[in-house]
Amino acid sequence: MTTMRHAWILAALLAVPGVLSGQAPSVLHVTVTLLDAAQASTPVPRHALLISDNPATRAPRRVLTAADGTVDITLQPGSYTVESDRPVTFLGKAYQWTEIVEIVAGRDATLALSAQNAEVLSSTASPPDTGAAPGRDPVSQVGRWQESIVGVWSPTSLASGFLVDPRGLIATHRGGVGRATSVEVQVSPTVKVPGRVLVSDVSRDVAIVSIDPGVVTARAPLPLPCPPVAAPSLDDGQEIVTMVSSLRGPVEPIEGEVTGLRPRAVETDFRIAFGGAGGPAFNEKGDVVGLTSVQPDADPRQRSDVSVVRVGLICEAVSAAQAKLPGTAAPPPTALPVEPSRPYPSAALEAAARSGTGAATPAVVSSSDFDVAFITPPTVYRAQQRTDWTGGPGARSPEVEARIGQLTEFGAWAEYFADLPPVLVVRVTPKMVEGFWKRLAREAARTQGAALPAFKDFKTDFLRMRASCGSVEVAPIHPFVLEHPVSENDVIREGLHVFDPNAFGPHCGNVTLSLYSEKAPEKADTIAIDPKVIDRIWQDFAPYRTSGR
């Protein structure tokens, strides 16, 4: 049983789930048009499409067509299903689409959706997604709150949130902050600031985060119907809307329906992508009725696991947070590092793969308690292209699969890394060691003729890391933590710190990492990184630097 437990732990750390294709992404150009009464081509705006990989490994990605009926989606090579979230009603008929498309590396694709390839339904078969009267269209009621929606980054999760108090209070779902006491709040693509968790209420599934109020002076807090105001009623089948802060896109509305009523929460058919939960939910009049939430252990491939925490519970959490404000200093308005705006050039990845240049495994260094891997987009891409190690994917040795696993298995952060963002990942993995008593027992068994494998445990959990370029400490874009459950009450934690591509290079002179473990939280295990490793990282990002000139 002990041997099986260790094998299970290693599988959780190093298995290859196929999250990343390792190939350069391509763009799918979609157009949605229908013919009007005069047989003229008419674009279908704001039609919601769901993009799913085949077979499904995560929740569908939801996109909306623009005013001209088009939308461009960046996708990794592979097979995808493109389908309507809801039918669109037009001239007395309801149209919906389901199409399979194949995306090839380095080659853009087009998909034209029209009456010719649509499934035509009765106009009463399903609620329309267009054509509602302007005064009753739920989406038209909530657009004014777009700038009040933010992203909330914790070490273990990404969530949406929304401003509820001009003093800098942000509401989100409790799962979005986890056990963190401090988070990062993304108020725009170029502005991210520290946040302090004032309330993290498991029973209400609500968290309240405080940021410096000067950051949001131009943004209006959402009005909550808190007592003595009566909360809006909700009925089964009622249309509702939520607003989400997407991973790499603008704030967008998502429509849905109430599918079940419970005292503290409402079941819905919302389909929300990674990082979308925690945003406000509105009724058709634009009144706040709650915030969206997902269960932390929900199957990521499920489409309808989103509930709405009722607004009364938000009011209680906000009241508790407001009571703490007088004795709590707001976090400083420090500008934190943000995501690079440009993608890594796909042509450079393909060229390196064709030429055979670049390393196919990450550079790895070690401290007394940890192994540290430096992972770059070219390294991931090159590793996935290496089919000659042991006869190709599916025929690789366990050792090779383990090395690739460290490049492709990102657990809860798989969606973040799915598009090969142009960032440096410093992955800090606890070492394994055999304890004295287990080693003694194994030696005793050996004297009796039984050869047993080493019974190893992880030495410690990762806690935090400080990185320095010369004498200057470098802040990561994201200090992610990757948790691997090994029992009901026990997890193994890895560090997964994301840095700007120019963070470390020859300009540093020397680069050091100070690693802290849970067993010795105040004692730094500091290691100096070989200049050859830094030069390799710098060269991996050379095509990215030149592509921006």
Protein backbone atom coordinates (compact mmCIF):
# COMPACT_ATOMS: atom_id res chain seq x y z
CA MET A 1 0.00 0.00 0.00
CA THR A 2 2.86 2.37 0.79
CA THR A 3 4.52 1.70 -2.57
CA MET A 4 1.22 2.30 -4.36
CA ARG A 5 0.75 5.57 -2.45
CA HIS A 6 4.15 6.83 -3.57
CA ALA A 7 3.43 5.81 -7.16
CA TRP A 8 0.17 7.73 -6.98
CA ILE A 9 1.95 10.86 -5.70
CA LEU A 10 4.51 10.70 -8.49
CA ALA A 11 1.77 10.24 -11.07
CA ALA A 12 0.01 13.34 -9.77
CA LEU A 13 3.22 15.31 -10.09
CA LEU A 14 4.55 14.05 -13.40
CA ALA A 15 1.73 12.56 -15.46
CA VAL A 16 1.24 13.88 -18.98
CA PRO A 17 -2.44 14.78 -19.45
CA GLY A 18 -2.04 16.36 -22.88
CA VAL A 19 -3.09 19.80 -21.68
CA LEU A 20 -0.65 21.54 -23.96
CA SER A 21 -0.25 20.58 -27.58
CA GLY A 22 3.23 22.11 -27.56
CA GLN A 23 2.66 23.50 -31.04
CA ALA A 24 2.33 27.04 -32.27
CA PRO A 25 -1.26 28.34 -32.05
CA SER A 26 -3.34 29.27 -35.09
CA VAL A 27 -6.35 31.56 -35.54
CA LEU A 28 -9.87 30.36 -36.37
CA HIS A 29 -11.86 33.05 -38.19
CA VAL A 30 -15.61 32.56 -37.67
CA THR A 31 -18.42 34.42 -39.46
CA VAL A 32 -22.12 34.07 -38.60
CA THR A 33 -24.62 35.38 -41.17
CA LEU A 34 -28.26 34.81 -42.16
CA LEU A 35 -30.33 35.95 -45.14
CA ASP A 36 -32.98 38.62 -44.53
CA ALA A 37 -36.34 38.87 -46.31
CA ALA A 38 -34.62 40.40 -49.35
CA GLN A 39 -32.07 37.54 -49.41
CA ALA A 40 -29.31 39.91 -48.37
CA SER A 41 -26.57 38.57 -46.12
CA THR A 42 -27.06 39.89 -42.57
CA PRO A 43 -24.41 39.49 -39.83
CA VAL A 44 -25.48 38.00 -36.51
CA PRO A 45 -23.95 40.11 -33.70
CA ARG A 46 -23.40 38.98 -30.11
CA HIS A 47 -24.02 35.34 -30.91
CA ALA A 48 -22.42 33.18 -28.22
CA LEU A 49 -20.32 30.23 -29.39
CA LEU A 50 -18.77 27.49 -27.26
CA ILE A 51 -15.36 26.15 -28.29
CA SER A 52 -14.48 22.68 -26.92
CA ASP A 53 -11.45 20.50 -27.60
CA ASN A 54 -12.07 16.89 -28.72
CA PRO A 55 -12.17 14.92 -26.52
CA ALA A 56 -13.12 17.53 -23.93
CA THR A 57 -10.45 18.16 -21.29
CA ARG A 58 -11.74 21.43 -19.84
CA ALA A 59 -14.79 23.70 -19.73
CA PRO A 60 -15.75 25.15 -23.12
CA ARG A 61 -14.38 28.54 -24.07
CA ARG A 62 -17.22 31.02 -24.70
CA VAL A 63 -16.86 33.78 -27.30
CA LEU A 64 -19.22 36.40 -28.74
CA THR A 65 -19.41 37.59 -32.32
CA ALA A 66 -18.80 41.30 -32.91
CA ALA A 67 -21.20 43.74 -34.55
CA ASP A 68 -20.17 42.43 -37.99
CA GLY A 69 -20.93 38.83 -37.02
CA THR A 70 -17.27 37.76 -36.83
CA VAL A 71 -14.94 36.51 -34.13
CA ASP A 72 -11.31 35.34 -34.19
CA ILE A 73 -10.19 32.63 -31.76
CA THR A 74 -6.57 31.64 -31.11
CA LEU A 75 -6.31 27.86 -30.71
CA GLN A 76 -3.65 25.23 -30.34
CA PRO A 77 -3.55 22.62 -33.14
CA GLY A 78 -6.15 19.89 -32.69
CA SER A 79 -9.80 19.01 -33.16
CA TYR A 80 -12.50 21.33 -31.81
CA THR A 81 -16.28 21.49 -31.63
CA VAL A 82 -17.79 24.92 -32.30
CA GLU A 83 -21.42 25.16 -31.23
CA SER A 84 -24.05 27.73 -30.36
CA ASP A 85 -24.59 28.40 -26.70
CA ARG A 86 -28.23 29.18 -27.51
CA PRO A 87 -30.23 29.40 -30.73
CA VAL A 88 -30.59 32.76 -32.45
CA THR A 89 -34.09 33.76 -33.55
CA PHE A 90 -34.39 35.49 -36.92
CA LEU A 91 -37.52 36.06 -39.08
CA GLY A 92 -39.60 33.56 -37.15
CA LYS A 93 -37.04 30.76 -37.09
CA ALA A 94 -34.43 29.69 -34.57
CA TYR A 95 -30.94 28.71 -35.80
CA GLN A 96 -28.14 26.93 -34.03
CA TRP A 97 -24.85 25.43 -35.19
CA THR A 98 -22.57 22.53 -34.27
CA GLU A 99 -19.43 22.10 -36.37
CA ILE A 100 -16.18 20.15 -36.02
CA VAL A 101 -13.02 21.98 -37.13
CA GLU A 102 -9.42 20.83 -37.38
CA ILE A 103 -6.72 23.35 -36.49
CA VAL A 104 -3.30 22.82 -38.07
CA ALA A 105 -0.13 24.36 -36.64
CA GLY A 106 0.85 27.61 -38.33
CA ARG A 107 -2.20 27.65 -40.62
CA ASP A 108 -5.23 29.86 -39.97
CA ALA A 109 -8.69 28.38 -40.53
CA THR A 110 -12.10 29.80 -41.43
CA LEU A 111 -15.60 28.69 -40.46
CA ALA A 112 -18.69 30.23 -42.08
CA LEU A 113 -21.92 29.64 -40.16
CA SER A 114 -25.07 30.32 -42.15
CA ALA A 115 -28.56 28.95 -42.77
CA GLN A 116 -27.03 26.31 -45.03
CA ASN A 117 -25.24 24.50 -42.21
CA ALA A 118 -27.57 25.46 -39.33
CA GLU A 119 -30.04 23.33 -37.48
CA VAL A 120 -33.38 25.12 -37.84
CA LEU A 121 -35.77 24.95 -34.91
CA SER A 122 -39.15 26.37 -34.10
CA SER A 123 -38.71 29.94 -32.85
CA THR A 124 -40.35 28.84 -29.58
CA ALA A 125 -38.06 25.86 -29.07
CA SER A 126 -35.51 27.84 -27.09
CA PRO A 127 -35.18 31.40 -25.76
CA PRO A 128 -33.49 33.66 -28.33
CA ASP A 129 -30.14 35.31 -27.78
CA THR A 130 -31.00 38.35 -29.90
CA GLY A 131 -34.07 40.39 -30.72
CA ALA A 132 -35.12 41.25 -27.17
CA ALA A 133 -36.65 44.66 -26.63
CA PRO A 134 -33.88 47.10 -25.67
CA GLY A 135 -35.50 47.92 -22.34
CA ARG A 136 -35.74 44.26 -21.34
CA ASP A 137 -32.51 42.87 -22.75
CA PRO A 138 -30.53 41.78 -19.65
CA VAL A 139 -27.19 42.43 -21.32
CA SER A 140 -28.12 46.01 -22.19
CA GLN A 141 -28.84 46.64 -18.51
CA VAL A 142 -25.42 45.64 -17.19
CA GLY A 143 -22.93 47.03 -19.72
CA ARG A 144 -22.42 50.20 -17.69
CA TRP A 145 -20.73 48.14 -14.96
CA GLN A 146 -17.95 46.82 -17.19
CA GLU A 147 -15.21 48.94 -15.54
CA SER A 148 -16.31 47.82 -12.08
CA ILE A 149 -15.41 44.19 -12.83
CA VAL A 150 -11.88 43.05 -11.90
CA GLY A 151 -9.73 39.92 -11.90
CA VAL A 152 -8.56 38.42 -8.60
CA TRP A 153 -5.36 36.34 -8.62
CA SER A 154 -4.50 34.17 -5.64
CA PRO A 155 -1.59 31.69 -5.51
CA THR A 156 -3.96 28.81 -6.28
CA SER A 157 -6.81 30.33 -8.30
CA LEU A 158 -8.09 33.04 -10.63
CA ALA A 159 -11.52 34.61 -10.16
CA SER A 160 -13.64 37.55 -11.21
CA GLY A 161 -14.71 40.17 -8.70
CA PHE A 162 -16.60 43.46 -8.55
CA LEU A 163 -16.40 46.76 -6.69
CA VAL A 164 -19.00 47.05 -3.90
CA ASP A 165 -17.73 50.02 -1.89
CA PRO A 166 -15.91 53.21 -3.02
CA ARG A 167 -13.40 52.60 -0.21
CA GLY A 168 -11.89 49.84 -2.32
CA LEU A 169 -13.89 46.75 -1.34
CA ILE A 170 -14.10 43.95 -3.93
CA ALA A 171 -16.51 41.01 -3.67
CA THR A 172 -15.76 37.58 -5.15
CA HIS A 173 -16.50 33.95 -4.35
CA ARG A 174 -14.55 32.40 -1.52
CA GLY A 175 -12.98 29.74 -3.75
CA GLY A 176 -11.31 32.53 -5.69
CA VAL A 177 -9.06 33.43 -2.76
CA GLY A 178 -8.72 30.02 -1.09
CA ARG A 179 -6.61 30.23 2.07
CA ALA A 180 -4.75 33.35 0.91
CA THR A 181 -4.63 36.46 3.08
CA SER A 182 -3.27 38.62 0.25
CA VAL A 183 -4.07 38.54 -3.46
CA GLU A 184 -3.46 40.52 -6.64
CA VAL A 185 -6.30 42.54 -8.18
CA GLN A 186 -6.25 43.17 -11.94
CA VAL A 187 -8.25 46.35 -12.51
CA SER A 188 -7.28 46.59 -16.20
CA PRO A 189 -4.93 44.77 -18.60
CA THR A 190 -2.14 47.18 -17.64
CA VAL A 191 -2.91 47.80 -13.95
CA LYS A 192 -2.59 45.22 -11.17
CA VAL A 193 -2.33 46.11 -7.46
CA PRO A 194 -2.04 44.29 -4.12
CA GLY A 195 -5.21 43.25 -2.33
CA ARG A 196 -5.83 42.22 1.27
CA VAL A 197 -8.47 39.59 2.09
CA LEU A 198 -10.68 41.09 4.82
CA VAL A 199 -13.39 38.40 4.79
CA SER A 200 -13.14 34.82 3.59
CA ASP A 201 -16.39 33.14 4.58
CA VAL A 202 -16.70 29.45 3.72
CA SER A 203 -20.31 29.22 4.97
CA ARG A 204 -21.45 32.09 2.74
CA ASP A 205 -19.00 31.28 -0.09
CA VAL A 206 -18.12 34.99 -0.26
CA ALA A 207 -14.81 36.81 0.07
CA ILE A 208 -14.22 40.56 0.39
CA VAL A 209 -10.89 42.00 -0.74
CA SER A 210 -9.59 45.47 0.07
CA ILE A 211 -7.46 47.55 -2.33
CA ASP A 212 -6.27 51.16 -2.22
CA PRO A 213 -9.39 53.28 -2.95
CA GLY A 214 -7.36 55.66 -5.11
CA VAL A 215 -7.05 52.96 -7.74
CA VAL A 216 -10.82 52.87 -8.33
CA THR A 217 -11.87 56.49 -7.83
CA ALA A 218 -13.26 56.67 -11.37
CA ARG A 219 -15.20 53.41 -11.05
CA ALA A 220 -18.68 53.10 -9.60
CA PRO A 221 -19.42 50.39 -7.03
CA LEU A 222 -22.31 48.10 -7.89
CA PRO A 223 -25.39 48.98 -5.80
CA LEU A 224 -26.36 46.03 -3.61
CA PRO A 225 -29.97 45.68 -2.40
CA CYS A 226 -28.94 45.26 1.23
CA PRO A 227 -31.46 45.47 4.10
CA PRO A 228 -33.70 47.29 4.68
CA VAL A 229 -34.04 47.13 0.86
CA ALA A 230 -35.75 43.91 -0.21
CA ALA A 231 -33.64 41.57 -2.33
CA PRO A 232 -34.99 40.91 -5.86
CA SER A 233 -36.94 37.69 -6.14
CA LEU A 234 -35.84 34.91 -8.49
CA ASP A 235 -37.98 32.32 -10.22
CA ASP A 236 -37.13 29.02 -11.85
CA GLY A 237 -36.53 29.61 -15.55
CA GLN A 238 -35.85 33.33 -15.11
CA GLU A 239 -33.21 34.90 -17.37
CA ILE A 240 -30.10 36.21 -15.62
CA VAL A 241 -26.74 37.64 -16.68
CA THR A 242 -23.28 37.57 -15.16
CA MET A 243 -20.19 39.60 -16.03
CA VAL A 244 -16.78 37.92 -16.05
CA SER A 245 -13.17 39.04 -16.23
CA SER A 246 -11.75 36.57 -18.74
CA LEU A 247 -8.19 35.23 -18.68
CA ARG A 248 -6.87 37.07 -21.74
CA GLY A 249 -9.79 39.09 -23.00
CA PRO A 250 -12.14 41.93 -22.12
CA VAL A 251 -14.85 41.85 -19.50
CA GLU A 252 -17.89 40.23 -21.09
CA PRO A 253 -21.50 39.41 -20.20
CA ILE A 254 -22.76 35.82 -20.16
CA GLU A 255 -26.45 34.99 -20.27
CA GLY A 256 -28.17 32.11 -18.55
CA GLU A 257 -31.24 30.90 -16.71
CA VAL A 258 -32.20 29.92 -13.19
CA THR A 259 -32.52 26.13 -13.11
CA GLY A 260 -33.09 25.54 -9.41
CA LEU A 261 -33.78 27.46 -6.22
CA ARG A 262 -32.12 26.88 -2.87
CA PRO A 263 -32.26 29.04 0.29
CA ARG A 264 -28.66 30.30 0.08
CA ALA A 265 -27.84 29.81 -3.60
CA VAL A 266 -29.43 29.53 -7.01
CA GLU A 267 -28.62 26.85 -9.57
CA THR A 268 -28.00 28.09 -13.11
CA ASP A 269 -27.04 26.94 -16.59
CA PHE A 270 -24.22 29.51 -16.85
CA ARG A 271 -21.20 28.32 -18.83
CA ILE A 272 -18.19 30.12 -17.44
CA ALA A 273 -14.60 29.66 -18.54
CA PHE A 274 -11.53 29.50 -16.31
CA GLY A 275 -11.33 32.50 -13.98
CA GLY A 276 -14.88 33.70 -14.64
CA ALA A 277 -16.56 32.72 -11.37
CA GLY A 278 -16.95 35.40 -8.71
CA GLY A 279 -18.54 38.04 -10.92
CA PRO A 280 -21.91 39.68 -10.22
CA ALA A 281 -25.20 38.16 -11.37
CA PHE A 282 -28.11 40.38 -12.49
CA ASN A 283 -31.79 39.90 -13.24
CA GLU A 284 -33.40 41.17 -16.45
CA LYS A 285 -33.83 44.64 -14.89
CA GLY A 286 -30.13 44.96 -14.11
CA ASP A 287 -30.48 44.45 -10.34
CA VAL A 288 -27.71 42.53 -8.56
CA VAL A 289 -29.07 39.19 -7.38
CA GLY A 290 -25.82 37.56 -6.27
CA LEU A 291 -22.37 36.42 -7.41
CA THR A 292 -21.33 33.32 -9.32
CA SER A 293 -19.50 30.44 -7.70
CA VAL A 294 -18.10 27.06 -8.69
CA GLN A 295 -17.09 24.19 -6.48
CA PRO A 296 -13.29 23.97 -6.20
CA ASP A 297 -13.34 20.24 -6.95
CA ALA A 298 -15.85 20.42 -9.80
CA ASP A 299 -15.08 18.58 -13.03
CA PRO A 300 -13.55 21.27 -15.31
CA ARG A 301 -15.31 19.70 -18.30
CA GLN A 302 -18.75 20.28 -16.83
CA ARG A 303 -20.67 23.13 -18.39
CA SER A 304 -23.41 23.67 -15.85
CA ASP A 305 -21.85 23.60 -12.40
CA VAL A 306 -22.20 27.34 -11.72
CA SER A 307 -24.40 28.56 -8.87
CA VAL A 308 -25.28 32.07 -7.75
CA VAL A 309 -24.72 33.01 -4.10
CA ARG A 310 -27.72 35.09 -3.08
CA VAL A 311 -27.17 38.81 -2.65
CA GLY A 312 -28.16 38.81 1.04
CA LEU A 313 -25.06 36.76 1.85
CA ILE A 314 -22.90 39.27 -0.03
CA CYS A 315 -24.43 42.07 2.05
CA GLU A 316 -23.52 40.26 5.27
CA ALA A 317 -19.92 39.79 4.14
CA VAL A 318 -19.63 43.41 3.02
CA SER A 319 -20.96 44.59 6.38
CA ALA A 320 -18.34 42.49 8.17
CA ALA A 321 -15.59 43.93 5.96
CA GLN A 322 -16.77 47.51 6.44
CA ALA A 323 -16.58 47.02 10.20
CA LYS A 324 -12.88 46.14 9.84
CA LEU A 325 -11.95 49.13 7.67
CA PRO A 326 -11.35 51.71 10.46
CA GLY A 327 -8.60 49.62 12.03
CA THR A 328 -7.09 48.22 8.84
CA ALA A 329 -4.71 50.10 6.58
CA ALA A 330 -5.43 49.73 2.87
CA PRO A 331 -2.79 47.91 0.82
CA PRO A 332 -0.38 50.27 -0.99
CA PRO A 333 -1.26 51.18 -4.60
CA THR A 334 1.95 49.52 -5.79
CA ALA A 335 1.92 48.72 -9.51
CA LEU A 336 2.57 44.99 -9.82
CA PRO A 337 4.01 43.28 -12.93
CA VAL A 338 1.41 42.41 -15.56
CA GLU A 339 1.14 39.97 -18.44
CA PRO A 340 3.16 40.65 -21.62
CA SER A 341 0.86 42.03 -24.30
CA ARG A 342 2.45 40.27 -27.28
CA PRO A 343 2.35 36.52 -27.95
CA TYR A 344 5.51 34.53 -28.57
CA PRO A 345 6.06 34.44 -32.37
CA SER A 346 4.83 31.07 -33.62
CA ALA A 347 7.15 31.15 -36.62
CA ALA A 348 10.17 31.21 -34.30
CA LEU A 349 8.91 28.15 -32.41
CA GLU A 350 8.40 26.24 -35.66
CA ALA A 351 11.77 27.30 -37.05
CA ALA A 352 13.58 26.09 -33.92
CA ALA A 353 11.76 22.75 -34.11
CA ARG A 354 12.64 22.26 -37.79
CA SER A 355 16.29 23.16 -37.26
CA GLY A 356 16.67 21.03 -34.15
CA THR A 357 18.10 23.93 -32.17
CA GLY A 358 17.24 24.57 -28.58
CA ALA A 359 16.97 22.20 -25.65
CA ALA A 360 14.01 19.85 -25.35
CA THR A 361 14.18 19.60 -21.57
CA PRO A 362 14.28 22.44 -19.04
CA ALA A 363 17.41 23.60 -17.30
CA VAL A 364 17.31 22.20 -13.76
CA VAL A 365 19.28 23.19 -10.66
CA SER A 366 18.97 21.88 -7.12
CA SER A 367 19.05 23.08 -3.55
CA SER A 368 19.09 20.88 -0.47
CA ASP A 369 15.28 20.54 -0.45
CA PHE A 370 14.12 21.41 -3.96
CA ASP A 371 14.66 20.84 -7.67
CA VAL A 372 14.23 24.05 -9.70
CA ALA A 373 13.31 23.94 -13.40
CA PHE A 374 13.40 26.96 -15.75
CA ILE A 375 10.66 26.51 -18.35
CA THR A 376 10.32 28.69 -21.46
CA PRO A 377 7.86 28.49 -24.40
CA PRO A 378 10.56 27.19 -26.80
CA THR A 379 11.49 24.48 -24.29
CA VAL A 380 7.88 23.28 -24.04
CA TYR A 381 7.40 23.43 -27.80
CA ARG A 382 10.70 21.70 -28.54
CA ALA A 383 10.02 18.93 -26.01
CA GLN A 384 6.65 18.15 -27.55
CA GLN A 385 8.18 18.02 -31.03
CA ARG A 386 10.82 15.47 -30.03
CA THR A 387 9.33 12.23 -31.33
CA ASP A 388 12.66 10.47 -31.82
CA TRP A 389 13.56 9.77 -28.18
CA THR A 390 11.90 6.35 -27.96
CA GLY A 391 9.86 6.03 -31.12
CA GLY A 392 7.42 8.90 -30.69
CA PRO A 393 4.66 9.91 -28.25
CA GLY A 394 3.07 6.91 -26.58
CA ALA A 395 6.28 4.88 -26.82
CA ARG A 396 8.49 6.96 -24.54
CA SER A 397 10.25 5.57 -21.53
CA PRO A 398 8.94 6.49 -18.05
CA GLU A 399 12.02 8.67 -17.52
CA VAL A 400 11.28 10.67 -20.67
CA GLU A 401 7.59 10.90 -19.82
CA ALA A 402 8.56 12.28 -16.40
CA ARG A 403 10.74 14.96 -17.97
CA ILE A 404 7.97 15.95 -20.37
CA GLY A 405 5.47 15.82 -17.52
CA GLN A 406 7.31 18.61 -15.76
CA LEU A 407 6.69 20.72 -18.85
CA THR A 408 3.05 19.96 -19.47
CA GLU A 409 1.35 19.16 -16.15
CA PHE A 410 0.24 22.43 -14.57
CA GLY A 411 -2.78 21.20 -12.60
CA ALA A 412 -5.22 23.96 -11.72
CA TRP A 413 -3.18 26.40 -13.83
CA ALA A 414 -3.42 24.34 -17.04
CA GLU A 415 -5.72 26.91 -18.69
CA TYR A 416 -3.28 29.71 -17.96
CA PHE A 417 -0.43 27.94 -19.76
CA ALA A 418 -2.53 26.39 -22.55
CA ASP A 419 -1.61 29.07 -25.12
CA LEU A 420 2.12 29.05 -24.33
CA PRO A 421 2.22 32.61 -22.90
CA PRO A 422 5.56 34.42 -23.41
CA VAL A 423 6.71 34.04 -19.81
CA LEU A 424 9.48 32.32 -17.88
CA VAL A 425 8.21 29.69 -15.44
CA VAL A 426 10.38 28.83 -12.45
CA ARG A 427 9.06 25.55 -11.10
CA VAL A 428 10.18 24.58 -7.58
CA THR A 429 9.51 20.92 -6.76
CA PRO A 430 10.17 19.36 -3.33
CA LYS A 431 12.72 16.54 -3.31
CA MET A 432 11.92 13.08 -2.04
CA VAL A 433 13.94 11.34 0.65
CA GLU A 434 13.78 8.06 2.55
CA GLY A 435 13.38 8.52 6.29
CA PHE A 436 15.67 6.80 8.81
CA TRP A 437 13.09 4.33 10.18
CA LYS A 438 11.84 3.38 6.72
CA ARG A 439 15.39 2.81 5.54
CA LEU A 440 16.09 0.70 8.67
CA ALA A 441 12.97 -1.41 7.98
CA ARG A 442 14.02 -1.92 4.37
CA GLU A 443 17.49 -3.03 5.44
CA ALA A 444 15.96 -5.46 7.95
CA ALA A 445 13.79 -6.91 5.20
CA ARG A 446 16.84 -7.28 2.95
CA THR A 447 18.59 -9.44 5.56
CA GLN A 448 15.60 -11.77 5.34
CA GLY A 449 15.91 -12.01 1.57
CA ALA A 450 13.24 -9.43 0.65
CA ALA A 451 14.41 -6.69 -1.72
CA LEU A 452 12.07 -3.73 -1.21
CA PRO A 453 12.08 -0.40 -3.04
CA ALA A 454 12.97 2.76 -1.17
CA PHE A 455 9.97 4.21 0.70
CA LYS A 456 10.43 7.89 0.01
CA ASP A 457 8.46 10.89 1.21
CA PHE A 458 8.68 14.50 0.16
CA LYS A 459 11.13 16.36 2.37
CA THR A 460 8.97 19.46 2.76
CA ASP A 461 6.43 21.66 1.01
CA PHE A 462 7.34 24.76 -0.96
CA LEU A 463 6.36 27.98 0.84
CA ARG A 464 7.75 30.97 -1.06
CA MET A 465 10.63 32.23 -3.18
CA ARG A 466 12.61 35.43 -3.62
CA ALA A 467 14.53 36.03 -6.85
CA SER A 468 17.26 38.59 -7.41
CA CYS A 469 18.83 40.02 -10.56
CA GLY A 470 22.15 41.28 -9.23
CA SER A 471 21.26 43.20 -6.06
CA VAL A 472 17.68 43.94 -7.17
CA GLU A 473 14.80 41.70 -6.11
CA VAL A 474 12.57 40.76 -9.05
CA ALA A 475 8.85 40.44 -8.41
CA PRO A 476 7.08 37.67 -10.34
CA ILE A 477 4.07 38.39 -12.52
CA HIS A 478 2.32 35.62 -10.58
CA PRO A 479 3.57 33.65 -7.56
CA PHE A 480 1.48 30.56 -8.30
CA VAL A 481 1.37 27.53 -6.02
CA LEU A 482 0.50 24.12 -7.45
CA GLU A 483 -1.21 21.79 -4.99
CA HIS A 484 -1.30 18.00 -5.41
CA PRO A 485 -3.76 16.29 -3.00
CA VAL A 486 -2.34 13.04 -1.64
CA SER A 487 -5.04 12.34 0.96
CA GLU A 488 -8.18 13.92 2.33
CA ASN A 489 -6.17 16.30 4.52
CA ASP A 490 -2.72 16.37 2.93
CA VAL A 491 -1.30 18.07 -0.16
CA ILE A 492 2.13 18.50 -1.71
CA ARG A 493 2.89 22.07 -2.82
CA GLU A 494 5.11 23.20 -5.67
CA GLY A 495 6.10 26.74 -6.58
CA LEU A 496 5.17 27.88 -10.08
CA HIS A 497 6.44 31.46 -10.35
CA VAL A 498 5.81 33.34 -13.58
CA PHE A 499 8.31 36.02 -14.65
CA ASP A 500 8.61 38.57 -17.43
CA PRO A 501 10.75 37.27 -20.34
CA ASN A 502 13.35 39.99 -19.65
CA ALA A 503 13.53 39.40 -15.90
CA PHE A 504 16.84 37.50 -15.97
CA GLY A 505 19.71 37.88 -18.41
CA PRO A 506 23.35 38.89 -18.81
CA HIS A 507 22.49 42.34 -17.48
CA CYS A 508 22.00 40.82 -14.00
CA GLY A 509 25.61 39.85 -13.46
CA ASN A 510 24.42 37.16 -11.08
CA VAL A 511 21.01 35.62 -10.37
CA THR A 512 20.09 34.09 -7.01
CA LEU A 513 17.01 32.30 -5.74
CA SER A 514 16.11 32.15 -2.05
CA LEU A 515 13.78 29.23 -1.38
CA TYR A 516 11.70 28.88 1.77
CA SER A 517 10.07 25.66 2.94
CA GLU A 518 7.17 25.03 5.27
CA LYS A 519 9.43 23.17 7.68
CA ALA A 520 11.76 26.21 7.97
CA PRO A 521 9.66 29.23 6.93
CA GLU A 522 12.22 31.84 8.03
CA LYS A 523 15.37 30.10 6.81
CA ALA A 524 16.35 30.79 3.19
CA ASP A 525 17.99 28.12 1.08
CA THR A 526 19.81 30.43 -1.35
CA ILE A 527 21.34 29.17 -4.58
CA ALA A 528 23.27 31.02 -7.29
CA ILE A 529 22.22 30.17 -10.85
CA ASP A 530 24.93 29.20 -13.32
CA PRO A 531 25.44 32.00 -15.90
CA LYS A 532 25.12 29.35 -18.64
CA VAL A 533 21.56 28.65 -17.49
CA ILE A 534 20.72 32.37 -17.52
CA ASP A 535 22.24 32.72 -21.00
CA ARG A 536 20.13 29.83 -22.25
CA ILE A 537 16.96 31.45 -20.88
CA TRP A 538 17.96 34.78 -22.44
CA GLN A 539 18.51 33.14 -25.84
CA ASP A 540 15.17 31.34 -25.65
CA PHE A 541 13.42 34.72 -25.52
CA ALA A 542 15.57 36.40 -28.19
CA PRO A 543 12.93 35.90 -30.95
CA TYR A 544 10.31 37.40 -28.67
CA ARG A 545 12.40 40.51 -27.98
CA THR A 546 13.16 41.09 -31.68
CA SER A 547 9.51 40.56 -32.71
CA GLY A 548 8.49 43.69 -30.80
CA ARG A 549 10.86 46.05 -32.59
